[in-house]
Amino acid sequence: MESISFKDLTGKVCVITGGAGVIGQALIKGLASVGTKVAIVDINKEVAEKVAKEISEKYNATIIGIEGNVLDKSSLEKAKALVNEKLGEIDILINGAGGNHPTATTKVEQIEDKDLDNLGDTFYGLDINGFDKVFALNFKGTVLPSMVFTQDMLKHKKGVVLNISSMNSYKPLTKIPAYSAAKASINNFTQWLAVHLAKVGIRVNAIAPGFFITNQNRFLVLNKEGGYSARGNKIVSNTPMGKFGEPEDLQGTTLYLLSDISSFVTGIVIPIDGGYSAFGGV
C-alpha cells in the first residue's frame, strides 16, 4: 500500500491573496515545505516581493510576489496573466485577504445604563463606511479572486479553493459585528461554491482559525506593555488549551484540505481553535 503524504502538492501552482500577513506567511511556509509553487497576490507589491524572497530563500522554493487588488477584477486578471507567465496554470487558490477595521469596532462590549447618554462608543456610534470596508475586504475580496483564479481549474476539471473563515463566524464576538458577520458569509459562500463547482472537479473548503495574534487584532488583545489586555485574558481563559494559537498550527489542516488526501471533502469549514468551539464557559 502506498504511504500517505503531501507529495501530490509538489510542483502545483498556488495563488494566495493576503499572503503577506501573519497567517498567510505561515501557510506559504507550509506550502513551500512540500514543494508547491506560490504566487503571493497583494495590493502592496513591494511587501509581497519581500515576503516571497525571504521564504523562497529559506525553503529553496519557487515563490513570487505580484501586485493585485482583491476588490478590482481587472487587477486580478492582470495578476493571473503574470502567474501563468511565470509559474504556469493555477491549481490552488487560497483566499487569505481579510481583516477587521477599527471604525467597525465598538469600544464597549455591551450597552449599560451608563452608556445611554453617550452612545458613541456603542453600536450606534459605528461608521457605516467601516462596515462597508470590512464586508468588501472579507466577502467581495473572496468572491472576486474565486472568479478569476479558478479559470485554469475549470479547464483541467481539477483544483482546490481554500477560504479563510474564523470562529467569529459561529459565535460572534463582542465589539466586532462587521467582521463576525462577514466571516459568517464566507462559510455560506464556501458551501455554495462547493456545490456549484462539485461536478467540474473543483473542491471548495475553509478553515476557521480560533485566536491568533495578528496585525489586525493586536490592538484588541494586547496592552501597550505587550501583555494580554483584559480581552486577551478573556480569550485565553475561554480556550481550553489556555493559549493563543501559533500561525504554524494552521499548516497541517491546510495541507490536508489542499491535497488529494481529502479528495472526497468539499463544502466544509474546519475549526482550528484549541477547543474554543467546544467550551461552554464553565
Protein backbone atom coordinates (compact mmCIF):
# COMPACT_ATOMS: atom_id res chain seq x y z
CA MET A 1 0.00 0.00 0.00
CA GLU A 2 1.34 3.42 -0.96
CA SER A 3 2.18 5.62 2.02
CA ILE A 4 0.13 8.75 2.59
CA SER A 5 1.92 12.05 2.02
CA PHE A 6 1.50 15.52 0.58
CA LYS A 7 3.73 14.75 -2.39
CA ASP A 8 0.86 15.41 -4.83
CA LEU A 9 1.27 19.11 -3.91
CA THR A 10 4.85 19.19 -5.20
CA GLY A 11 5.05 21.33 -8.33
CA LYS A 12 1.44 22.53 -8.07
CA VAL A 13 0.83 26.25 -8.57
CA CYS A 14 -0.94 28.07 -5.74
CA VAL A 15 -2.18 31.66 -5.63
CA ILE A 16 -2.64 33.15 -2.16
CA THR A 17 -4.19 36.55 -1.55
CA GLY A 18 -3.27 38.36 1.64
CA GLY A 19 -0.18 36.22 1.82
CA ALA A 20 1.98 38.91 3.38
CA GLY A 21 0.09 38.75 6.69
CA VAL A 22 0.97 36.63 9.72
CA ILE A 23 -1.40 33.78 8.84
CA GLY A 24 -0.67 34.00 5.11
CA GLN A 25 3.07 33.69 5.66
CA ALA A 26 2.58 30.59 7.81
CA LEU A 27 0.50 28.95 5.08
CA ILE A 28 3.10 29.82 2.43
CA LYS A 29 5.84 28.23 4.56
CA GLY A 30 3.75 25.08 4.81
CA LEU A 31 3.30 25.00 1.04
CA ALA A 32 6.98 25.74 0.43
CA SER A 33 7.94 22.80 2.64
CA VAL A 34 6.17 20.38 0.29
CA GLY A 35 7.42 21.96 -2.94
CA THR A 36 4.37 23.90 -4.05
CA LYS A 37 4.99 26.93 -6.26
CA VAL A 38 3.36 30.00 -4.74
CA ALA A 39 2.29 33.38 -6.08
CA ILE A 40 1.57 35.95 -3.37
CA VAL A 41 -1.01 38.39 -4.71
CA ASP A 42 -1.12 41.52 -2.56
CA ILE A 43 -2.12 45.13 -3.03
CA ASN A 44 1.37 46.08 -1.85
CA LYS A 45 3.75 44.65 -4.45
CA GLU A 46 6.90 45.53 -2.51
CA VAL A 47 5.73 43.69 0.61
CA ALA A 48 4.65 40.67 -1.46
CA GLU A 49 8.05 40.52 -3.17
CA LYS A 50 9.88 40.89 0.15
CA VAL A 51 7.94 38.02 1.77
CA ALA A 52 8.38 35.89 -1.36
CA LYS A 53 12.14 36.46 -1.35
CA GLU A 54 12.54 35.67 2.36
CA ILE A 55 10.53 32.45 2.30
CA SER A 56 11.85 31.20 -1.06
CA GLU A 57 15.46 31.59 0.15
CA LYS A 58 14.76 29.82 3.45
CA TYR A 59 12.93 26.87 1.86
CA ASN A 60 14.63 26.83 -1.54
CA ALA A 61 11.15 27.16 -3.04
CA THR A 62 9.61 28.92 -6.02
CA ILE A 63 7.67 31.89 -4.63
CA ILE A 64 6.88 35.16 -6.35
CA GLY A 65 5.17 38.38 -5.28
CA ILE A 66 2.63 40.00 -7.59
CA GLU A 67 0.55 43.14 -7.26
CA GLY A 68 -3.20 42.59 -7.17
CA ASN A 69 -6.22 44.26 -5.62
CA VAL A 70 -8.81 41.72 -4.43
CA LEU A 71 -11.53 44.36 -4.90
CA ASP A 72 -10.67 45.03 -8.55
CA LYS A 73 -11.38 42.25 -11.05
CA SER A 74 -9.25 43.75 -13.83
CA SER A 75 -6.30 43.99 -11.43
CA LEU A 76 -6.75 40.31 -10.56
CA GLU A 77 -6.93 39.35 -14.23
CA LYS A 78 -3.59 41.09 -14.81
CA ALA A 79 -2.17 39.24 -11.82
CA LYS A 80 -3.43 35.92 -13.19
CA ALA A 81 -1.73 36.56 -16.53
CA LEU A 82 1.55 37.13 -14.70
CA VAL A 83 1.14 33.96 -12.61
CA ASN A 84 0.51 31.95 -15.77
CA GLU A 85 3.54 33.50 -17.44
CA LYS A 86 5.93 32.97 -14.53
CA LEU A 87 4.66 29.77 -12.85
CA GLY A 88 2.13 28.10 -15.15
CA GLU A 89 -1.55 27.31 -14.81
CA ILE A 90 -3.15 27.62 -11.39
CA ASP A 91 -4.09 24.52 -9.37
CA ILE A 92 -4.87 26.01 -5.96
CA LEU A 93 -6.36 29.25 -4.64
CA ILE A 94 -6.16 30.37 -1.01
CA ASN A 95 -8.36 33.38 -0.28
CA GLY A 96 -6.36 34.85 2.57
CA ALA A 97 -7.18 38.55 2.21
CA GLY A 98 -9.36 39.81 5.03
CA GLY A 99 -9.39 41.54 8.37
CA ASN A 100 -11.24 43.87 10.69
CA HIS A 101 -11.18 47.67 10.87
CA PRO A 102 -11.21 49.94 13.95
CA THR A 103 -14.10 52.03 12.55
CA ALA A 104 -16.29 48.89 12.57
CA THR A 105 -15.34 48.04 16.15
CA THR A 106 -17.30 49.18 19.21
CA LYS A 107 -15.40 50.34 22.28
CA VAL A 108 -17.81 48.67 24.72
CA GLU A 109 -18.86 45.02 24.73
CA GLN A 110 -22.42 45.57 25.95
CA ILE A 111 -24.53 48.70 26.37
CA GLU A 112 -25.14 49.50 30.01
CA ASP A 113 -27.25 52.23 31.60
CA LYS A 114 -24.19 54.49 31.91
CA ASP A 115 -23.74 54.40 28.12
CA LEU A 116 -27.24 55.62 27.27
CA ASP A 117 -26.34 59.29 27.49
CA ASN A 118 -23.35 58.84 25.18
CA LEU A 119 -23.79 56.12 22.55
CA GLY A 120 -20.66 57.00 20.59
CA ASP A 121 -18.74 54.01 21.92
CA THR A 122 -21.55 51.56 21.10
CA PHE A 123 -23.12 50.01 18.01
CA TYR A 124 -24.96 53.30 17.41
CA GLY A 125 -21.71 55.19 17.04
CA LEU A 126 -20.19 52.97 14.37
CA ASP A 127 -19.26 54.40 10.99
CA ILE A 128 -21.19 52.52 8.30
CA ASN A 129 -18.25 53.09 5.96
CA GLY A 130 -16.26 50.87 8.30
CA PHE A 131 -18.85 48.12 7.78
CA ASP A 132 -18.53 48.57 4.03
CA LYS A 133 -14.73 48.24 4.18
CA VAL A 134 -14.85 45.07 6.29
CA PHE A 135 -17.51 43.39 4.15
CA ALA A 136 -15.75 44.34 0.94
CA LEU A 137 -12.34 43.06 2.04
CA ASN A 138 -13.60 39.79 3.52
CA PHE A 139 -16.53 38.82 1.30
CA LYS A 140 -16.08 40.57 -2.03
CA GLY A 141 -12.33 40.02 -1.57
CA THR A 142 -13.04 36.28 -1.61
CA VAL A 143 -15.66 36.25 -4.37
CA LEU A 144 -13.65 38.17 -6.99
CA PRO A 145 -10.41 36.15 -6.69
CA SER A 146 -12.50 32.98 -6.86
CA MET A 147 -13.99 34.17 -10.16
CA VAL A 148 -10.58 34.90 -11.65
CA PHE A 149 -8.08 32.38 -10.29
CA THR A 150 -10.21 29.24 -10.76
CA GLN A 151 -10.38 29.62 -14.54
CA ASP A 152 -7.44 27.24 -15.13
CA MET A 153 -9.03 24.69 -12.78
CA LEU A 154 -12.18 24.68 -14.91
CA LYS A 155 -10.07 23.86 -17.94
CA HIS A 156 -8.47 20.85 -16.22
CA LYS A 157 -11.57 19.87 -14.21
CA LYS A 158 -9.43 19.71 -11.08
CA GLY A 159 -8.45 22.20 -8.40
CA VAL A 160 -8.91 23.39 -4.85
CA VAL A 161 -10.10 26.62 -3.26
CA LEU A 162 -9.44 27.28 0.42
CA ASN A 163 -11.19 30.17 2.12
CA ILE A 164 -10.17 31.65 5.47
CA SER A 165 -13.10 31.91 7.84
CA SER A 166 -12.97 32.49 11.61
CA MET A 167 -14.51 31.23 14.82
CA ASN A 168 -16.34 34.57 14.79
CA SER A 169 -18.49 33.07 12.06
CA TYR A 170 -20.00 30.60 14.54
CA LYS A 171 -20.09 32.64 17.74
CA PRO A 172 -19.90 36.37 17.06
CA LEU A 173 -17.51 38.16 19.35
CA THR A 174 -18.43 41.35 21.13
CA LYS A 175 -17.12 44.62 19.66
CA ILE A 176 -16.68 43.36 16.06
CA PRO A 177 -20.12 42.97 14.43
CA ALA A 178 -18.99 43.61 10.85
CA TYR A 179 -16.10 41.14 10.94
CA SER A 180 -18.20 38.42 12.57
CA ALA A 181 -20.98 38.79 10.01
CA ALA A 182 -18.53 38.98 7.11
CA LYS A 183 -16.85 35.74 8.16
CA ALA A 184 -20.25 34.06 8.53
CA SER A 185 -20.84 35.00 4.89
CA ILE A 186 -17.58 33.23 3.99
CA ASN A 187 -18.94 29.97 5.47
CA ASN A 188 -22.12 30.26 3.45
CA PHE A 189 -20.23 31.13 0.25
CA THR A 190 -17.83 28.22 0.80
CA GLN A 191 -20.77 25.81 0.87
CA TRP A 192 -22.49 27.47 -2.07
CA LEU A 193 -19.40 27.49 -4.30
CA ALA A 194 -18.53 23.91 -3.32
CA VAL A 195 -21.90 22.74 -4.62
CA HIS A 196 -21.67 24.91 -7.72
CA LEU A 197 -18.27 23.52 -8.73
CA ALA A 198 -18.52 19.95 -7.46
CA LYS A 199 -19.25 18.30 -10.80
CA VAL A 200 -16.36 20.03 -12.57
CA GLY A 201 -13.77 18.68 -10.14
CA ILE A 202 -13.08 21.80 -8.07
CA ARG A 203 -13.28 21.41 -4.31
CA VAL A 204 -14.00 24.37 -2.01
CA ASN A 205 -13.37 24.30 1.74
CA ALA A 206 -12.41 26.67 4.53
CA ILE A 207 -10.51 26.77 7.78
CA ALA A 208 -11.82 28.71 10.76
CA PRO A 209 -8.91 29.83 12.92
CA GLY A 210 -9.60 30.46 16.56
CA PHE A 211 -7.50 33.05 18.32
CA PHE A 212 -4.16 34.00 16.82
CA ILE A 213 -2.39 37.31 17.37
CA THR A 214 -2.32 39.12 14.03
CA ASN A 215 -1.73 42.66 12.83
CA GLN A 216 -5.49 43.19 12.66
CA ASN A 217 -6.36 42.19 16.23
CA ARG A 218 -3.18 43.11 18.08
CA PHE A 219 -4.71 46.38 19.32
CA LEU A 220 -7.60 44.44 20.88
CA VAL A 221 -5.81 41.57 22.62
CA LEU A 222 -2.51 43.11 23.79
CA ASN A 223 -1.88 46.10 26.04
CA LYS A 224 0.78 48.74 25.48
CA GLU A 225 3.24 46.83 27.66
CA GLY A 226 2.94 43.76 25.44
CA GLY A 227 0.94 41.63 27.85
CA TYR A 228 -2.62 40.47 27.35
CA SER A 229 -5.37 43.04 27.58
CA ALA A 230 -8.50 42.24 29.57
CA ARG A 231 -9.97 40.95 26.32
CA GLY A 232 -6.86 38.87 25.62
CA ASN A 233 -7.09 37.27 29.05
CA LYS A 234 -10.77 36.54 28.48
CA ILE A 235 -9.92 34.77 25.21
CA VAL A 236 -7.24 32.59 26.78
CA SER A 237 -9.49 31.66 29.70
CA ASN A 238 -12.20 30.53 27.25
CA THR A 239 -9.79 28.46 25.14
CA PRO A 240 -9.42 25.01 26.76
CA MET A 241 -5.77 24.76 25.68
CA GLY A 242 -5.17 28.02 27.59
CA LYS A 243 -3.23 29.90 24.92
CA PHE A 244 -3.37 31.71 21.60
CA GLY A 245 -2.61 29.59 18.56
CA GLU A 246 0.66 29.79 16.69
CA PRO A 247 0.30 30.51 12.94
CA GLU A 248 2.12 27.24 12.19
CA ASP A 249 -0.79 25.39 13.82
CA LEU A 250 -2.77 26.08 10.65
CA GLN A 251 -0.37 24.32 8.29
CA GLY A 252 -1.39 20.68 8.77
CA THR A 253 -5.12 21.21 8.23
CA THR A 254 -4.41 23.46 5.25
CA LEU A 255 -2.18 20.91 3.52
CA TYR A 256 -4.77 18.18 4.20
CA LEU A 257 -7.54 20.19 2.54
CA LEU A 258 -5.37 21.13 -0.45
CA SER A 259 -4.04 17.62 -1.04
CA ASP A 260 -5.71 14.76 -2.87
CA ILE A 261 -5.73 13.04 0.52
CA SER A 262 -9.03 14.89 1.04
CA SER A 263 -10.34 14.29 -2.49
CA PHE A 264 -13.89 13.50 -1.28
CA VAL A 265 -14.03 16.50 1.07
CA THR A 266 -15.78 19.66 -0.13
CA GLY A 267 -18.04 22.31 1.36
CA ILE A 268 -16.72 22.09 4.92
CA VAL A 269 -15.25 24.55 7.40
CA ILE A 270 -12.74 23.13 9.88
CA PRO A 271 -12.20 24.96 13.18
CA ILE A 272 -8.57 25.26 14.36
CA ASP A 273 -9.25 26.77 17.74
CA GLY A 274 -7.68 24.99 20.71
CA GLY A 275 -11.10 23.73 21.77
CA TYR A 276 -12.81 27.16 21.90
CA SER A 277 -15.87 25.99 19.94
CA ALA A 278 -16.35 23.02 22.28
CA PHE A 279 -16.22 25.06 25.52
CA GLY A 280 -19.37 26.33 27.22
CA GLY A 281 -17.56 28.72 29.55
CA VAL A 282 -17.94 26.64 32.73
